Amino acid sequence: KAFLRSHLGDNEFHRGEIYDVDGNFLGQHDGIELFTIGQRKGLPGGSPRPRYVADLDPETNRVIVGDAEHLVCDEFVIDRVNWHVVAGIGLSAVASAKADDPGRSFEATVKIRYNHPGTVATVTPLEQDRARVRLHEPQRAVTPGQAAVI
């Protein structure tokens, strides 16, 4: 928080409301930019079980809070894909897959965080430099805005 405030200033944050996954209002927050998926610290109110940031809605500035099971994800779409090498084949093979059949899928290891060990997934190239990633084992806290390395 202090780092962001010192570099951005207080006027750059978008205040909003915090709700649980059932739609119950929990409180206000000072800026959606101060939260990340999976975060536990700094959430309002007491709860008998640990609560985590389960979703962020930048259109409404809402922070959605849930239990640990609400952090699990088995599929997501990535954008601004930069294809270099995929599953041991060169860029030309990926380019032809995108051009001829954007739905062609392949299996690969995907890392969803810097220290993540990687997990097996089915990757489907989509149009407009996007790809759908279907994880073979659901993963916790897949976070929008983070890189996915295939």
C-alpha atoms as a PDB file:
ATOM      1  CA  LYS A   1       0.000   0.000   0.000  1.00  0.00           C
ATOM      2  CA  ALA A   2       2.653   2.472   1.024  1.00  0.00           C
ATOM      3  CA  PHE A   3       4.660   1.802  -2.146  1.00  0.00           C
ATOM      4  CA  LEU A   4       1.659   2.383  -4.415  1.00  0.00           C
ATOM      5  CA  ARG A   5       0.589   5.501  -2.537  1.00  0.00           C
ATOM      6  CA  SER A   6       4.107   6.962  -2.673  1.00  0.00           C
ATOM      7  CA  HIS A   7       4.361   6.375  -6.428  1.00  0.00           C
ATOM      8  CA  LEU A   8       0.790   7.056  -7.518  1.00  0.00           C
ATOM      9  CA  GLY A   9      -0.685   9.383  -4.910  1.00  0.00           C
ATOM     10  CA  ASP A  10      -4.103   9.016  -3.306  1.00  0.00           C
ATOM     11  CA  ASN A  11      -5.984  10.457  -6.304  1.00  0.00           C
ATOM     12  CA  GLU A  12      -5.128   7.447  -8.499  1.00  0.00           C
ATOM     13  CA  PHE A  13      -7.125   4.936  -6.434  1.00  0.00           C
ATOM     14  CA  HIS A  14     -10.724   3.985  -7.154  1.00  0.00           C
ATOM     15  CA  ARG A  15     -12.752   3.616  -3.971  1.00  0.00           C
ATOM     16  CA  GLY A  16     -15.552   1.085  -3.830  1.00  0.00           C
ATOM     17  CA  GLU A  17     -17.412  -1.536  -1.855  1.00  0.00           C
ATOM     18  CA  ILE A  18     -16.559  -4.981  -0.557  1.00  0.00           C
ATOM     19  CA  TYR A  19     -19.098  -7.803  -0.860  1.00  0.00           C
ATOM     20  CA  ASP A  20     -18.955 -11.498  -0.130  1.00  0.00           C
ATOM     21  CA  VAL A  21     -19.682 -14.057  -2.864  1.00  0.00           C
ATOM     22  CA  ASP A  22     -23.306 -14.251  -1.664  1.00  0.00           C
ATOM     23  CA  GLY A  23     -23.827 -10.527  -2.286  1.00  0.00           C
ATOM     24  CA  ASN A  24     -23.686  -9.382   1.343  1.00  0.00           C
ATOM     25  CA  PHE A  25     -22.189  -5.923   1.850  1.00  0.00           C
ATOM     26  CA  LEU A  26     -19.087  -6.038   4.081  1.00  0.00           C
ATOM     27  CA  GLY A  27     -17.691  -2.518   3.898  1.00  0.00           C
ATOM     28  CA  GLN A  28     -15.849   0.117   1.891  1.00  0.00           C
ATOM     29  CA  HIS A  29     -12.316   0.117   0.509  1.00  0.00           C
ATOM     30  CA  ASP A  30      -9.882   2.906  -0.391  1.00  0.00           C
ATOM     31  CA  GLY A  31      -8.948   1.597  -3.830  1.00  0.00           C
ATOM     32  CA  ILE A  32      -9.474  -1.553  -5.882  1.00  0.00           C
ATOM     33  CA  GLU A  33      -5.851  -1.219  -7.020  1.00  0.00           C
ATOM     34  CA  LEU A  34      -4.761  -2.134  -3.479  1.00  0.00           C
ATOM     35  CA  PHE A  35      -6.178  -5.680  -3.745  1.00  0.00           C
ATOM     36  CA  THR A  36      -5.091  -8.870  -5.506  1.00  0.00           C
ATOM     37  CA  ILE A  37      -6.844 -12.193  -6.000  1.00  0.00           C
ATOM     38  CA  GLY A  38      -6.016 -14.484  -3.087  1.00  0.00           C
ATOM     39  CA  GLN A  39      -5.196 -11.641  -0.704  1.00  0.00           C
ATOM     40  CA  ARG A  40      -6.256 -12.222   2.878  1.00  0.00           C
ATOM     41  CA  LYS A  41      -4.798  -9.273   4.738  1.00  0.00           C
ATOM     42  CA  GLY A  42      -6.764  -6.056   5.175  1.00  0.00           C
ATOM     43  CA  LEU A  43     -10.276  -7.424   4.673  1.00  0.00           C
ATOM     44  CA  PRO A  44     -13.048  -5.992   6.881  1.00  0.00           C
ATOM     45  CA  GLY A  45     -15.046  -7.724   9.567  1.00  0.00           C
ATOM     46  CA  GLY A  46     -14.569 -10.892  11.467  1.00  0.00           C
ATOM     47  CA  SER A  47     -15.324 -14.322  10.152  1.00  0.00           C
ATOM     48  CA  PRO A  48     -15.052 -17.766  11.722  1.00  0.00           C
ATOM     49  CA  ARG A  49     -13.184 -18.938   8.596  1.00  0.00           C
ATOM     50  CA  PRO A  50     -10.420 -17.207   6.668  1.00  0.00           C
ATOM     51  CA  ARG A  51     -11.654 -15.024   3.799  1.00  0.00           C
ATOM     52  CA  TYR A  52      -9.808 -14.087   0.639  1.00  0.00           C
ATOM     53  CA  VAL A  53     -10.229 -11.716  -2.278  1.00  0.00           C
ATOM     54  CA  ALA A  54     -12.001 -13.968  -4.790  1.00  0.00           C
ATOM     55  CA  ASP A  55     -12.715 -11.449  -7.563  1.00  0.00           C
ATOM     56  CA  LEU A  56     -12.170  -7.831  -8.557  1.00  0.00           C
ATOM     57  CA  ASP A  57     -14.674  -5.922 -10.685  1.00  0.00           C
ATOM     58  CA  PRO A  58     -12.942  -2.837 -12.107  1.00  0.00           C
ATOM     59  CA  GLU A  59     -16.154  -1.595 -13.758  1.00  0.00           C
ATOM     60  CA  THR A  60     -17.897  -1.172 -10.388  1.00  0.00           C
ATOM     61  CA  ASN A  61     -14.741  -1.058  -8.200  1.00  0.00           C
ATOM     62  CA  ARG A  62     -16.161  -3.952  -6.197  1.00  0.00           C
ATOM     63  CA  VAL A  63     -13.970  -6.354  -4.282  1.00  0.00           C
ATOM     64  CA  ILE A  64     -15.579  -9.790  -3.865  1.00  0.00           C
ATOM     65  CA  VAL A  65     -14.535 -11.877  -0.871  1.00  0.00           C
ATOM     66  CA  GLY A  66     -14.951 -15.628  -0.399  1.00  0.00           C
ATOM     67  CA  ASP A  67     -13.586 -18.757   1.211  1.00  0.00           C
ATOM     68  CA  ALA A  68     -10.510 -20.612  -0.056  1.00  0.00           C
ATOM     69  CA  GLU A  69     -12.605 -22.761  -2.419  1.00  0.00           C
ATOM     70  CA  HIS A  70     -13.643 -19.594  -4.299  1.00  0.00           C
ATOM     71  CA  LEU A  71     -10.021 -19.101  -5.358  1.00  0.00           C
ATOM     72  CA  VAL A  72      -9.856 -22.317  -7.377  1.00  0.00           C
ATOM     73  CA  CYS A  73      -9.945 -22.002 -11.170  1.00  0.00           C
ATOM     74  CA  ASP A  74      -9.716 -24.589 -13.947  1.00  0.00           C
ATOM     75  CA  GLU A  75     -10.023 -22.377 -17.032  1.00  0.00           C
ATOM     76  CA  PHE A  76      -9.113 -18.857 -18.092  1.00  0.00           C
ATOM     77  CA  VAL A  77      -8.447 -16.795 -21.217  1.00  0.00           C
ATOM     78  CA  ILE A  78      -5.193 -14.932 -21.738  1.00  0.00           C
ATOM     79  CA  ASP A  79      -4.793 -11.964 -24.041  1.00  0.00           C
ATOM     80  CA  ARG A  80      -1.877 -10.219 -25.718  1.00  0.00           C
ATOM     81  CA  VAL A  81      -0.326 -13.638 -26.356  1.00  0.00           C
ATOM     82  CA  ASN A  82       3.218 -13.452 -27.678  1.00  0.00           C
ATOM     83  CA  TRP A  83       3.916 -16.827 -29.324  1.00  0.00           C
ATOM     84  CA  HIS A  84       7.616 -17.731 -29.403  1.00  0.00           C
ATOM     85  CA  VAL A  85       7.881 -21.522 -29.034  1.00  0.00           C
ATOM     86  CA  VAL A  86       5.088 -23.909 -28.115  1.00  0.00           C
ATOM     87  CA  ALA A  87       5.565 -27.475 -26.863  1.00  0.00           C
ATOM     88  CA  GLY A  88       8.874 -27.881 -28.693  1.00  0.00           C
ATOM     89  CA  ILE A  89       7.626 -26.667 -32.073  1.00  0.00           C
ATOM     90  CA  GLY A  90       8.619 -23.432 -33.737  1.00  0.00           C
ATOM     91  CA  LEU A  91       6.736 -20.208 -34.211  1.00  0.00           C
ATOM     92  CA  SER A  92       5.712 -21.126 -37.782  1.00  0.00           C
ATOM     93  CA  ALA A  93       3.619 -24.064 -36.524  1.00  0.00           C
ATOM     94  CA  VAL A  94       1.792 -21.817 -34.065  1.00  0.00           C
ATOM     95  CA  ALA A  95       1.258 -19.174 -36.749  1.00  0.00           C
ATOM     96  CA  SER A  96      -0.317 -21.759 -39.061  1.00  0.00           C
ATOM     97  CA  ALA A  97      -2.517 -23.047 -36.227  1.00  0.00           C
ATOM     98  CA  LYS A  98      -3.731 -19.497 -35.613  1.00  0.00           C
ATOM     99  CA  ALA A  99      -4.294 -18.793 -39.304  1.00  0.00           C
ATOM    100  CA  ASP A 100      -5.836 -22.099 -40.406  1.00  0.00           C
ATOM    101  CA  ASP A 101      -7.731 -23.225 -37.308  1.00  0.00           C
ATOM    102  CA  PRO A 102      -7.807 -20.913 -34.310  1.00  0.00           C
ATOM    103  CA  GLY A 103      -9.493 -23.679 -32.307  1.00  0.00           C
ATOM    104  CA  ARG A 104      -6.599 -26.156 -32.613  1.00  0.00           C
ATOM    105  CA  SER A 105      -5.489 -27.183 -29.130  1.00  0.00           C
ATOM    106  CA  PHE A 106      -2.248 -28.523 -27.721  1.00  0.00           C
ATOM    107  CA  GLU A 107      -1.053 -29.733 -24.340  1.00  0.00           C
ATOM    108  CA  ALA A 108       1.617 -27.754 -22.487  1.00  0.00           C
ATOM    109  CA  THR A 109       2.919 -26.841 -19.062  1.00  0.00           C
ATOM    110  CA  VAL A 110       1.643 -23.443 -17.905  1.00  0.00           C
ATOM    111  CA  LYS A 111       3.102 -21.264 -15.147  1.00  0.00           C
ATOM    112  CA  ILE A 112       0.618 -18.793 -13.673  1.00  0.00           C
ATOM    113  CA  ARG A 113       2.953 -17.031 -11.222  1.00  0.00           C
ATOM    114  CA  TYR A 114       6.661 -16.334 -10.918  1.00  0.00           C
ATOM    115  CA  ASN A 115       7.316 -19.089  -8.354  1.00  0.00           C
ATOM    116  CA  HIS A 116       4.633 -21.446  -9.666  1.00  0.00           C
ATOM    117  CA  PRO A 117       6.047 -24.894 -10.554  1.00  0.00           C
ATOM    118  CA  GLY A 118       3.829 -25.170 -13.634  1.00  0.00           C
ATOM    119  CA  THR A 119       0.847 -27.379 -14.337  1.00  0.00           C
ATOM    120  CA  VAL A 120      -0.353 -29.342 -17.365  1.00  0.00           C
ATOM    121  CA  ALA A 121      -3.035 -27.631 -19.426  1.00  0.00           C
ATOM    122  CA  THR A 122      -4.753 -27.744 -22.786  1.00  0.00           C
ATOM    123  CA  VAL A 123      -4.118 -24.484 -24.639  1.00  0.00           C
ATOM    124  CA  THR A 124      -6.379 -23.370 -27.482  1.00  0.00           C
ATOM    125  CA  PRO A 125      -5.208 -20.443 -29.638  1.00  0.00           C
ATOM    126  CA  LEU A 126      -8.018 -17.950 -30.235  1.00  0.00           C
ATOM    127  CA  GLU A 127      -8.364 -15.003 -32.574  1.00  0.00           C
ATOM    128  CA  GLN A 128      -7.037 -11.542 -31.678  1.00  0.00           C
ATOM    129  CA  ASP A 129      -3.873 -12.842 -29.944  1.00  0.00           C
ATOM    130  CA  ARG A 130      -5.784 -14.652 -27.223  1.00  0.00           C
ATOM    131  CA  ALA A 131      -5.747 -18.231 -25.928  1.00  0.00           C
ATOM    132  CA  ARG A 132      -7.977 -20.374 -23.729  1.00  0.00           C
ATOM    133  CA  VAL A 133      -6.170 -22.346 -21.025  1.00  0.00           C
ATOM    134  CA  ARG A 134      -7.901 -25.396 -19.506  1.00  0.00           C
ATOM    135  CA  LEU A 135      -5.951 -26.625 -16.505  1.00  0.00           C
ATOM    136  CA  HIS A 136      -5.881 -30.390 -15.976  1.00  0.00           C
ATOM    137  CA  GLU A 137      -5.716 -29.760 -12.215  1.00  0.00           C
ATOM    138  CA  PRO A 138      -7.524 -26.684 -10.856  1.00  0.00           C
ATOM    139  CA  GLN A 139      -5.187 -24.036  -9.450  1.00  0.00           C
ATOM    140  CA  ARG A 140      -5.617 -21.483  -6.710  1.00  0.00           C
ATOM    141  CA  ALA A 141      -5.632 -17.706  -7.200  1.00  0.00           C
ATOM    142  CA  VAL A 142      -5.307 -17.354 -10.966  1.00  0.00           C
ATOM    143  CA  THR A 143      -5.029 -13.569 -11.072  1.00  0.00           C
ATOM    144  CA  PRO A 144      -6.014 -11.191 -13.890  1.00  0.00           C
ATOM    145  CA  GLY A 145      -3.106  -9.095 -15.097  1.00  0.00           C
ATOM    146  CA  GLN A 146      -0.420 -11.642 -14.314  1.00  0.00           C
ATOM    147  CA  ALA A 147       1.550 -13.355 -17.042  1.00  0.00           C
ATOM    148  CA  ALA A 148       0.895 -16.961 -17.984  1.00  0.00           C
ATOM    149  CA  VAL A 149       3.976 -18.650 -19.396  1.00  0.00           C
ATOM    150  CA  ILE A 150       3.246 -21.598 -21.688  1.00  0.00           C
END
